[in-house]
């Protein structure tokens, strides 16, 4: 049982929200999340990171009962004593992605494209090299045909001639939602996910498993890929101060920056009041 006046489920984005700019999570934040669980409130890590980064994700949000990964395409129940249980695993067919990329390139010109196809631990992304990608140690150059030889968890795309928000606007205009979900998570690339995959549909799997109404869910985020869960959750939608303007506009409240442990400060005050 949760205490009166508290949400029944808490979900937070990781990078840019819970995780600081130096890629660490403070001991203070881990401690507050432990207090949240002790209060009987399940914790969910809701991230764009794919399943290849599961161990890193578990380390960054150790208190999580569930992980919503790959922007909602992979949902894992970590509360089962017998071990993690995969509740959702969605893929984007290669032929669909090929047509989508061709349509985008007709509209905006040549794209730099990477795909996430493997869920093995620390598996690299495949595709076109681009110096702006922040995780070159987890990247392997491959041709477009090689990248499209199998179904993918998600794809990343950018063009030199468009800001990522401009490219996202074009993609949203020409890519029907029944074909793919497009978003961006602050990495300078748009992200192309299977249709119906976003953090809200991923969290729906968790909420249904626990019997929690979306009206009782508190969420934290910083980027446009968090918008679906902000539209879905009803207890409160909290943006960190460093959030994208589009997300700040959708938020009920704004907490401190990720580098100032904004999520933990908010939750500490919530538990203490």
Protein backbone atom coordinates (compact mmCIF):
# COMPACT_ATOMS: atom_id res chain seq x y z
CA UNK A 1 0.00 0.00 0.00
CA UNK A 2 1.23 3.48 -0.85
CA UNK A 3 0.78 6.25 1.67
CA UNK A 4 -2.06 8.75 1.10
CA UNK A 5 -1.17 11.63 -1.18
CA UNK A 6 1.57 9.80 -3.06
CA UNK A 7 1.63 8.44 -6.61
CA UNK A 8 1.30 4.70 -7.07
CA UNK A 9 4.04 4.48 -9.69
CA UNK A 10 7.05 6.68 -10.51
CA UNK A 11 8.82 6.61 -13.87
CA UNK A 12 11.86 8.64 -14.81
CA UNK A 13 13.92 9.16 -17.90
CA UNK A 14 17.65 8.60 -17.39
CA UNK A 15 20.06 10.55 -19.60
CA UNK A 16 19.64 14.29 -19.08
CA UNK A 17 17.09 13.70 -16.31
CA UNK A 18 18.30 11.30 -13.61
CA UNK A 19 21.85 10.88 -14.94
CA UNK A 20 24.18 13.87 -14.62
CA UNK A 21 26.27 15.40 -17.40
CA UNK A 22 29.31 13.41 -16.27
CA UNK A 23 27.33 10.17 -16.83
CA UNK A 24 26.98 9.44 -13.11
CA UNK A 25 24.08 9.13 -10.69
CA UNK A 26 24.72 10.53 -7.23
CA UNK A 27 24.61 8.48 -4.05
CA UNK A 28 21.96 10.94 -2.87
CA UNK A 29 19.73 10.07 -5.84
CA UNK A 30 20.17 6.33 -5.31
CA UNK A 31 19.29 6.81 -1.65
CA UNK A 32 16.12 8.75 -2.39
CA UNK A 33 14.97 6.14 -4.92
CA UNK A 34 15.52 3.46 -2.28
CA UNK A 35 13.23 5.47 0.03
CA UNK A 36 10.61 5.62 -2.73
CA UNK A 37 10.61 1.82 -2.98
CA UNK A 38 10.53 1.52 0.81
CA UNK A 39 7.37 3.64 0.73
CA UNK A 40 5.77 0.97 -1.45
CA UNK A 41 6.00 2.85 -4.75
CA UNK A 42 7.39 0.90 -7.71
CA UNK A 43 10.12 2.69 -9.68
CA UNK A 44 10.49 2.50 -13.46
CA UNK A 45 13.45 3.55 -15.56
CA UNK A 46 12.03 4.82 -18.88
CA UNK A 47 14.82 5.34 -21.38
CA UNK A 48 15.70 5.47 -25.04
CA UNK A 49 18.63 3.16 -24.35
CA UNK A 50 18.34 -0.18 -26.08
CA UNK A 51 18.58 -3.61 -24.43
CA UNK A 52 22.30 -3.81 -25.28
CA UNK A 53 22.73 -1.23 -22.48
CA UNK A 54 20.66 -3.10 -19.89
CA UNK A 55 23.50 -3.55 -17.40
CA UNK A 56 24.46 0.13 -17.58
CA UNK A 57 20.81 1.05 -17.09
CA UNK A 58 20.42 -1.24 -14.08
CA UNK A 59 23.48 0.38 -12.51
CA UNK A 60 22.10 3.89 -13.10
CA UNK A 61 18.69 3.14 -11.58
CA UNK A 62 19.32 0.32 -9.12
CA UNK A 63 15.94 0.74 -7.42
CA UNK A 64 13.97 0.08 -10.61
CA UNK A 65 11.33 -2.64 -10.46
CA UNK A 66 10.77 -2.32 -14.22
CA UNK A 67 12.77 -1.02 -17.19
CA UNK A 68 11.09 0.56 -20.20
CA UNK A 69 13.89 0.60 -22.78
CA UNK A 70 14.39 1.40 -26.47
CA UNK A 71 11.87 4.22 -26.11
CA UNK A 72 9.18 1.74 -25.07
CA UNK A 73 9.95 -1.18 -27.38
CA UNK A 74 11.51 -3.38 -24.67
CA UNK A 75 9.83 -3.72 -21.26
CA UNK A 76 11.47 -5.79 -18.53
CA UNK A 77 9.99 -6.85 -15.17
CA UNK A 78 12.89 -7.02 -12.72
CA UNK A 79 10.75 -7.80 -9.68
CA UNK A 80 10.37 -11.54 -10.36
CA UNK A 81 12.54 -13.49 -7.87
CA UNK A 82 13.37 -16.04 -10.59
CA UNK A 83 14.96 -13.36 -12.77
CA UNK A 84 14.09 -10.60 -15.24
CA UNK A 85 11.05 -11.23 -17.46
CA UNK A 86 10.70 -9.54 -20.86
CA UNK A 87 7.12 -8.26 -21.18
CA UNK A 88 7.50 -6.51 -24.54
CA UNK A 89 9.97 -6.79 -27.43
CA UNK A 90 9.15 -4.87 -30.62
CA UNK A 91 11.15 -4.64 -33.86
CA UNK A 92 10.90 -2.49 -36.98
CA UNK A 93 10.93 -4.57 -40.20
CA UNK A 94 13.94 -3.84 -42.40
CA UNK A 95 11.84 -3.35 -45.53
CA UNK A 96 9.67 -0.77 -43.76
CA UNK A 97 12.74 1.12 -42.55
CA UNK A 98 14.25 1.06 -46.06
CA UNK A 99 11.14 2.65 -47.58
CA UNK A 100 10.90 5.19 -44.78
CA UNK A 101 14.53 6.27 -45.19
CA UNK A 102 14.08 6.58 -48.95
CA UNK A 103 11.04 8.81 -48.45
CA UNK A 104 12.93 10.97 -45.95
CA UNK A 105 15.95 11.32 -48.24
CA UNK A 106 13.68 12.39 -51.09
CA UNK A 107 12.46 15.18 -48.83
CA UNK A 108 15.64 16.30 -47.03
CA UNK A 109 18.62 14.89 -48.94
CA UNK A 110 21.24 12.34 -47.84
CA UNK A 111 20.98 11.04 -44.30
CA UNK A 112 23.54 9.73 -41.87
CA UNK A 113 21.91 6.54 -40.59
CA UNK A 114 22.72 4.12 -37.76
CA UNK A 115 20.69 1.16 -36.61
CA UNK A 116 20.40 -0.71 -33.33
CA UNK A 117 19.84 -4.34 -34.23
CA UNK A 118 21.45 -6.46 -31.52
CA UNK A 119 20.41 -6.82 -27.91
CA UNK A 120 23.67 -8.46 -26.84
CA UNK A 121 25.52 -6.77 -23.99
CA UNK A 122 27.37 -3.65 -25.21
CA UNK A 123 26.70 -4.51 -28.88
CA UNK A 124 27.63 -1.63 -31.23
CA UNK A 125 25.35 0.42 -33.40
CA UNK A 126 25.88 -0.16 -37.12
CA UNK A 127 25.92 2.35 -39.93
CA UNK A 128 27.39 5.62 -41.19
CA UNK A 129 30.20 7.20 -39.23
CA UNK A 130 29.49 10.69 -37.91
CA UNK A 131 31.87 12.56 -35.65
CA UNK A 132 29.04 14.02 -33.56
CA UNK A 133 27.89 10.63 -32.25
CA UNK A 134 28.97 10.66 -28.59
CA UNK A 135 29.50 6.91 -28.20
CA UNK A 136 32.03 5.99 -30.87
CA UNK A 137 33.32 3.11 -28.75
CA UNK A 138 29.95 1.41 -29.33
CA UNK A 139 29.79 1.98 -33.10
CA UNK A 140 30.68 -0.20 -36.10
CA UNK A 141 30.77 1.19 -39.66
CA UNK A 142 28.51 -0.82 -42.01
CA UNK A 143 26.88 -0.14 -45.37
CA UNK A 144 23.20 0.75 -45.63
CA UNK A 145 22.47 -2.64 -47.19
CA UNK A 146 24.20 -4.39 -44.28
CA UNK A 147 22.22 -2.32 -41.81
CA UNK A 148 18.96 -3.23 -43.51
CA UNK A 149 19.66 -6.95 -43.67
CA UNK A 150 17.58 -7.61 -40.54
CA UNK A 151 14.78 -6.12 -38.48
CA UNK A 152 15.94 -3.43 -36.04
CA UNK A 153 15.14 -2.24 -32.54
CA UNK A 154 15.41 1.37 -33.69
CA UNK A 155 17.24 3.57 -36.18
CA UNK A 156 18.95 6.95 -35.83
CA UNK A 157 19.16 9.54 -38.63
CA UNK A 158 20.48 13.04 -39.17
CA UNK A 159 21.25 15.43 -42.01
CA UNK A 160 23.81 18.21 -42.18
CA UNK A 161 21.23 20.65 -43.54
CA UNK A 162 18.57 20.41 -40.82
CA UNK A 163 18.54 20.97 -37.07
CA UNK A 164 17.31 17.82 -35.38
CA UNK A 165 14.00 19.48 -34.45
CA UNK A 166 13.49 20.54 -38.08
CA UNK A 167 14.23 17.02 -39.30
CA UNK A 168 11.84 15.63 -36.69
CA UNK A 169 9.09 17.96 -37.91
CA UNK A 170 9.60 16.72 -41.47
CA UNK A 171 9.63 13.08 -40.35
CA UNK A 172 6.45 13.54 -38.33
CA UNK A 173 4.78 15.05 -41.40
CA UNK A 174 5.69 12.33 -43.88
CA UNK A 175 5.91 9.18 -41.73
CA UNK A 176 2.45 7.83 -40.80
CA UNK A 177 2.24 6.71 -37.15
CA UNK A 178 1.07 3.27 -38.27
CA UNK A 179 4.39 2.89 -40.14
CA UNK A 180 6.83 4.03 -37.45
CA UNK A 181 7.19 6.27 -34.40
CA UNK A 182 9.67 9.15 -34.80
CA UNK A 183 11.13 11.24 -31.99
CA UNK A 184 14.39 12.71 -30.72
CA UNK A 185 16.22 12.31 -27.43
CA UNK A 186 18.82 15.08 -27.49
CA UNK A 187 21.59 13.24 -29.35
CA UNK A 188 21.35 15.28 -32.56
CA UNK A 189 19.65 12.40 -34.41
CA UNK A 190 15.99 11.61 -34.88
CA UNK A 191 15.03 8.16 -33.64
CA UNK A 192 12.84 5.82 -35.67
CA UNK A 193 11.03 3.15 -33.66
CA UNK A 194 8.43 0.50 -34.49
CA UNK A 195 4.85 1.76 -34.83
CA UNK A 196 3.03 2.13 -31.54
CA UNK A 197 6.30 2.22 -29.60
CA UNK A 198 6.87 5.09 -27.23
CA UNK A 199 7.39 5.52 -23.51
CA UNK A 200 3.65 5.77 -22.88
CA UNK A 201 2.85 2.42 -24.49
CA UNK A 202 5.82 0.88 -22.68
CA UNK A 203 4.59 2.27 -19.36
CA UNK A 204 1.10 1.01 -20.15
CA UNK A 205 2.49 -2.53 -20.08
CA UNK A 206 3.94 -1.85 -16.63
CA UNK A 207 0.80 -0.15 -15.32
CA UNK A 208 -1.42 -3.00 -16.51
CA UNK A 209 0.91 -5.56 -14.92
CA UNK A 210 0.65 -3.72 -11.58
CA UNK A 211 -2.99 -2.69 -11.87
CA UNK A 212 -2.11 1.02 -11.66
CA UNK A 213 -4.19 3.74 -13.31
CA UNK A 214 -2.20 6.27 -15.40
CA UNK A 215 -3.84 8.98 -13.27
CA UNK A 216 -1.73 7.72 -10.36
CA UNK A 217 1.63 7.87 -12.17
CA UNK A 218 4.33 10.51 -11.64
CA UNK A 219 6.87 10.97 -14.46
CA UNK A 220 10.12 12.91 -14.99
CA UNK A 221 11.80 13.81 -18.28
CA UNK A 222 13.81 16.21 -20.40
CA UNK A 223 13.36 15.55 -24.13
CA UNK A 224 10.66 15.17 -26.82
CA UNK A 225 10.82 11.38 -26.54
CA UNK A 226 9.35 11.89 -23.05
CA UNK A 227 6.27 13.71 -24.38
CA UNK A 228 4.10 10.59 -24.82
CA UNK A 229 4.53 9.60 -21.18
CA UNK A 230 3.85 13.21 -20.14
CA UNK A 231 0.57 13.05 -22.06
CA UNK A 232 -0.22 9.65 -20.53
CA UNK A 233 0.60 10.14 -16.84
CA UNK A 234 -1.81 12.02 -14.62
CA UNK A 235 -0.44 12.40 -11.07
CA UNK A 236 2.17 14.93 -12.19
CA UNK A 237 4.53 15.52 -15.13
CA UNK A 238 7.84 17.02 -13.99
CA UNK A 239 10.53 18.42 -16.27
CA UNK A 240 14.09 19.06 -15.15
CA UNK A 241 15.23 22.67 -15.56
CA UNK A 242 17.54 21.73 -18.45
CA UNK A 243 14.66 20.18 -20.41
CA UNK A 244 13.81 20.86 -24.07
CA UNK A 245 11.33 23.76 -24.42
CA UNK A 246 8.71 21.42 -25.87
CA UNK A 247 8.80 19.26 -22.76
CA UNK A 248 8.86 22.19 -20.34
CA UNK A 249 5.71 23.47 -22.02
CA UNK A 250 4.01 20.12 -21.41
CA UNK A 251 5.11 19.84 -17.77
CA UNK A 252 3.00 20.49 -14.69
CA UNK A 253 6.11 21.32 -12.67
CA UNK A 254 9.82 22.03 -13.21
CA UNK A 255 12.45 20.75 -10.79
CA UNK A 256 16.18 21.46 -10.62
CA UNK A 257 18.62 20.46 -13.36
CA UNK A 258 19.85 16.89 -13.73
CA UNK A 259 23.28 18.06 -12.55
CA UNK A 260 21.63 19.34 -9.35
CA UNK A 261 19.81 16.03 -8.66
CA UNK A 262 16.47 17.57 -9.61
CA UNK A 263 14.54 14.30 -9.62
CA UNK A 264 15.85 13.27 -6.21
CA UNK A 265 15.26 16.71 -4.69
CA UNK A 266 11.63 16.63 -5.89
CA UNK A 267 11.08 13.10 -4.56
CA UNK A 268 12.83 13.87 -1.26
CA UNK A 269 10.44 16.76 -0.66
CA UNK A 270 7.47 14.63 -1.74
CA UNK A 271 8.33 11.85 0.72
CA UNK A 272 9.06 14.30 3.52
CA UNK A 273 5.96 16.46 3.38
